C-alpha atoms as a PDB file:
ATOM      1  CA  TYR A   1       0.230  29.096   2.948  1.00  0.00           C
ATOM      2  CA  PHE A   2       0.347  27.738  -0.605  1.00  0.00           C
ATOM      3  CA  MET A   3      -1.083  30.977  -2.047  1.00  0.00           C
ATOM      4  CA  GLU A   4       1.533  32.990  -0.126  1.00  0.00           C
ATOM      5  CA  LYS A   5       4.353  30.854  -1.504  1.00  0.00           C
ATOM      6  CA  LEU A   6       3.088  31.201  -5.081  1.00  0.00           C
ATOM      7  CA  SER A   7       2.652  34.954  -4.590  1.00  0.00           C
ATOM      8  CA  ALA A   8       6.290  35.160  -3.486  1.00  0.00           C
ATOM      9  CA  LEU A   9       7.271  33.449  -6.758  1.00  0.00           C
ATOM     10  CA  LYS A  10       5.251  36.054  -8.661  1.00  0.00           C
ATOM     11  CA  GLU A  11       7.231  38.821  -6.969  1.00  0.00           C
ATOM     12  CA  THR A  12      10.476  37.149  -8.032  1.00  0.00           C
ATOM     13  CA  PHE A  13       9.747  36.176 -11.638  1.00  0.00           C
ATOM     14  CA  ALA A  14       8.371  38.644 -14.196  1.00  0.00           C
ATOM     15  CA  CYS A  15       6.984  35.821 -16.341  1.00  0.00           C
ATOM     16  CA  ILE A  16       4.296  35.162 -13.715  1.00  0.00           C
ATOM     17  CA  GLN A  17       1.401  37.491 -14.425  1.00  0.00           C
ATOM     18  CA  GLU A  18      -1.100  36.396 -11.802  1.00  0.00           C
ATOM     19  CA  VAL A  19      -1.698  34.003  -8.932  1.00  0.00           C
ATOM     20  CA  ARG A  20      -5.314  32.855  -8.851  1.00  0.00           C
ATOM     21  CA  GLY A  21      -7.584  30.390  -7.148  1.00  0.00           C
ATOM     22  CA  ARG A  22      -9.167  29.432  -3.852  1.00  0.00           C
ATOM     23  CA  GLY A  23      -8.321  26.879  -1.252  1.00  0.00           C
ATOM     24  CA  LEU A  24      -6.012  24.311  -2.779  1.00  0.00           C
ATOM     25  CA  LEU A  25      -7.175  24.849  -6.384  1.00  0.00           C
ATOM     26  CA  LEU A  26      -4.571  27.411  -7.447  1.00  0.00           C
ATOM     27  CA  GLY A  27      -3.023  28.623 -10.665  1.00  0.00           C
ATOM     28  CA  LEU A  28      -0.163  30.693 -12.003  1.00  0.00           C
ATOM     29  CA  ALA A  29      -0.933  32.663 -15.165  1.00  0.00           C
ATOM     30  CA  LEU A  30       2.275  33.034 -17.188  1.00  0.00           C
ATOM     31  CA  ASN A  31       3.355  35.140 -20.136  1.00  0.00           C
ATOM     32  CA  ILE A  32       5.397  32.185 -21.438  1.00  0.00           C
ATOM     33  CA  GLU A  33       4.458  28.615 -22.342  1.00  0.00           C
ATOM     34  CA  GLY A  34       3.929  26.318 -19.353  1.00  0.00           C
ATOM     35  CA  LYS A  35       4.584  22.813 -20.718  1.00  0.00           C
ATOM     36  CA  HIS A  36       8.215  22.839 -19.588  1.00  0.00           C
ATOM     37  CA  PHE A  37       7.130  23.480 -15.981  1.00  0.00           C
ATOM     38  CA  VAL A  38       4.694  20.557 -16.055  1.00  0.00           C
ATOM     39  CA  ASP A  39       7.467  18.261 -17.306  1.00  0.00           C
ATOM     40  CA  THR A  40       9.972  19.520 -14.746  1.00  0.00           C
ATOM     41  CA  CYS A  41       7.543  19.099 -11.867  1.00  0.00           C
ATOM     42  CA  ARG A  42       6.606  15.587 -13.005  1.00  0.00           C
ATOM     43  CA  GLU A  43      10.290  14.616 -13.128  1.00  0.00           C
ATOM     44  CA  GLN A  44      10.578  15.774  -9.506  1.00  0.00           C
ATOM     45  CA  GLY A  45       7.484  13.864  -8.349  1.00  0.00           C
ATOM     46  CA  PHE A  46       4.813  16.585  -8.569  1.00  0.00           C
ATOM     47  CA  LEU A  47       1.766  16.341 -10.811  1.00  0.00           C
ATOM     48  CA  ILE A  48       0.519  19.666 -12.108  1.00  0.00           C
ATOM     49  CA  ASN A  49      -1.095  20.586 -15.389  1.00  0.00           C
ATOM     50  CA  CYS A  50      -1.169  23.489 -17.770  1.00  0.00           C
ATOM     51  CA  THR A  51      -4.393  24.930 -19.141  1.00  0.00           C
ATOM     52  CA  SER A  52      -4.670  27.268 -22.111  1.00  0.00           C
ATOM     53  CA  GLY A  53      -0.945  26.733 -22.674  1.00  0.00           C
ATOM     54  CA  ARG A  54       0.040  29.346 -20.092  1.00  0.00           C
ATOM     55  CA  VAL A  55      -1.744  28.669 -16.800  1.00  0.00           C
ATOM     56  CA  LEU A  56      -0.106  26.245 -14.397  1.00  0.00           C
ATOM     57  CA  ARG A  57      -2.829  24.572 -12.342  1.00  0.00           C
ATOM     58  CA  PHE A  58      -2.217  23.008  -8.952  1.00  0.00           C
ATOM     59  CA  VAL A  59      -4.723  20.586  -7.442  1.00  0.00           C
ATOM     60  CA  PRO A  60      -2.837  18.919  -4.577  1.00  0.00           C
ATOM     61  CA  PRO A  61      -4.334  16.291  -2.280  1.00  0.00           C
ATOM     62  CA  LEU A  62      -5.920  17.532   0.939  1.00  0.00           C
ATOM     63  CA  THR A  63      -3.083  15.819   2.812  1.00  0.00           C
ATOM     64  CA  ILE A  64      -0.394  18.087   1.318  1.00  0.00           C
ATOM     65  CA  SER A  65       2.033  19.323   3.955  1.00  0.00           C
ATOM     66  CA  ARG A  66       3.930  22.575   4.269  1.00  0.00           C
ATOM     67  CA  ASP A  67       7.093  20.598   3.527  1.00  0.00           C
ATOM     68  CA  ASP A  68       5.535  19.359   0.270  1.00  0.00           C
ATOM     69  CA  ILE A  69       4.565  22.924  -0.676  1.00  0.00           C
ATOM     70  CA  ASP A  70       8.051  24.166   0.154  1.00  0.00           C
ATOM     71  CA  ARG A  71       9.629  21.428  -1.958  1.00  0.00           C
ATOM     72  CA  LEU A  72       7.297  22.142  -4.894  1.00  0.00           C
ATOM     73  CA  CYS A  73       8.138  25.846  -4.702  1.00  0.00           C
ATOM     74  CA  GLU A  74      11.853  24.998  -4.711  1.00  0.00           C
ATOM     75  CA  VAL A  75      11.332  22.931  -7.876  1.00  0.00           C
ATOM     76  CA  LEU A  76       9.342  25.779  -9.447  1.00  0.00           C
ATOM     77  CA  THR A  77      11.997  28.336  -8.466  1.00  0.00           C
ATOM     78  CA  THR A  78      14.686  26.319 -10.211  1.00  0.00           C
ATOM     79  CA  ALA A  79      12.461  25.808 -13.261  1.00  0.00           C
ATOM     80  CA  PHE A  80      11.694  29.534 -13.506  1.00  0.00           C
ATOM     81  CA  GLN A  81      15.371  30.431 -13.082  1.00  0.00           C
ATOM     82  CA  ASN A  82      16.258  28.053 -15.916  1.00  0.00           C
ATOM     83  CA  ALA A  83      13.465  29.390 -18.136  1.00  0.00           C
ATOM     84  CA  MET A  84      14.562  32.989 -17.563  1.00  0.00           C
ATOM     85  CA  ALA A  85      18.184  32.072 -18.319  1.00  0.00           C
ATOM     86  CA  GLU A  86      17.067  30.568 -21.652  1.00  0.00           C
ATOM     87  CA  VAL A  87      15.118  33.713 -22.531  1.00  0.00           C
ATOM     88  CA  VAL A  88      18.151  35.904 -21.828  1.00  0.00           C
ATOM     89  CA  SER A  89      20.554  33.760 -23.885  1.00  0.00           C
END
Protein backbone atom coordinates (compact mmCIF):
# COMPACT_ATOMS: atom_id res chain seq x y z
CA TYR A 1 0.00 0.00 0.00
CA PHE A 2 2.78 2.42 0.95
CA MET A 3 4.72 1.69 -2.26
CA GLU A 4 1.56 2.30 -4.31
CA LYS A 5 0.98 5.66 -2.64
CA LEU A 6 4.58 6.75 -3.23
CA SER A 7 4.37 5.57 -6.85
CA ALA A 8 1.28 7.74 -7.31
CA LEU A 9 3.32 10.72 -6.06
CA LYS A 10 6.00 9.89 -8.64
CA GLU A 11 3.39 10.03 -11.40
CA THR A 12 2.29 13.47 -10.19
CA PHE A 13 5.62 15.20 -9.54
CA ALA A 14 8.43 15.29 -12.11
CA CYS A 15 11.04 15.90 -9.40
CA ILE A 16 10.61 12.30 -8.19
CA GLN A 17 12.88 10.11 -10.28
CA GLU A 18 12.35 6.73 -8.66
CA VAL A 19 10.49 4.89 -5.92
CA ARG A 20 12.65 2.16 -4.41
CA GLY A 21 12.73 -0.28 -1.55
CA ARG A 22 11.10 -3.37 -0.09
CA GLY A 23 8.58 -3.88 2.62
CA LEU A 24 8.45 -0.78 4.76
CA LEU A 25 12.00 0.39 3.97
CA LEU A 26 11.20 2.70 1.05
CA GLY A 27 12.79 5.67 -0.65
CA LEU A 28 12.06 8.42 -3.13
CA ALA A 29 14.99 9.42 -5.34
CA LEU A 30 14.64 13.11 -6.25
CA ASN A 31 16.27 15.41 -8.76
CA ILE A 32 16.13 18.23 -6.19
CA GLU A 33 17.50 18.56 -2.66
CA GLY A 34 15.50 16.69 -0.01
CA LYS A 35 16.26 18.53 3.24
CA HIS A 36 13.16 20.71 2.96
CA PHE A 37 10.94 17.60 2.83
CA VAL A 38 12.55 16.16 5.96
CA ASP A 39 11.90 19.42 7.81
CA THR A 40 8.32 19.68 6.58
CA CYS A 41 7.52 16.10 7.56
CA ARG A 42 9.07 16.56 11.00
CA GLU A 43 6.95 19.67 11.57
CA GLN A 44 3.88 17.56 10.78
CA GLY A 45 4.89 14.71 13.11
CA PHE A 46 6.62 12.34 10.67
CA LEU A 47 10.26 11.33 10.99
CA ILE A 48 11.98 10.64 7.69
CA ASN A 49 15.54 11.20 6.60
CA CYS A 50 17.41 12.14 3.48
CA THR A 51 20.43 10.22 2.24
CA SER A 52 22.90 11.44 -0.36
CA GLY A 53 21.09 14.78 -0.28
CA ARG A 54 18.38 13.63 -2.68
CA VAL A 55 16.87 10.35 -1.48
CA LEU A 56 14.03 10.55 1.00
CA ARG A 57 14.09 7.42 3.16
CA PHE A 58 11.06 6.10 5.00
CA VAL A 59 11.45 3.58 7.82
CA PRO A 60 8.06 3.59 9.58
CA PRO A 61 7.21 1.42 12.58
CA LEU A 62 5.59 -1.94 11.85
CA THR A 63 2.42 -0.58 13.46
CA ILE A 64 1.92 2.10 10.78
CA SER A 65 -1.68 2.25 9.59
CA ARG A 66 -3.15 3.07 6.21
CA ASP A 67 -4.45 6.30 7.76
CA ASP A 68 -0.89 7.21 8.80
CA ILE A 69 0.37 6.49 5.27
CA ASP A 70 -2.43 8.55 3.77
CA ARG A 71 -1.66 11.46 6.09
CA LEU A 72 2.07 11.28 5.31
CA CYS A 73 1.33 11.28 1.59
CA GLU A 74 -0.91 14.34 2.04
CA VAL A 75 1.97 16.13 3.80
CA LEU A 76 4.36 15.09 1.02
CA THR A 77 1.91 16.21 -1.68
CA THR A 78 1.70 19.67 -0.14
CA ALA A 79 5.49 19.82 0.27
CA PHE A 80 6.06 18.82 -3.37
CA GLN A 81 3.47 21.33 -4.59
CA ASN A 82 5.23 24.07 -2.63
CA ALA A 83 8.66 23.01 -3.90
CA MET A 84 7.46 23.00 -7.51
CA ALA A 85 5.88 26.44 -7.06
CA GLU A 86 9.23 27.78 -5.81
CA VAL A 87 11.05 26.31 -8.81
CA VAL A 88 8.59 27.96 -11.22
CA SER A 89 8.81 31.40 -9.56
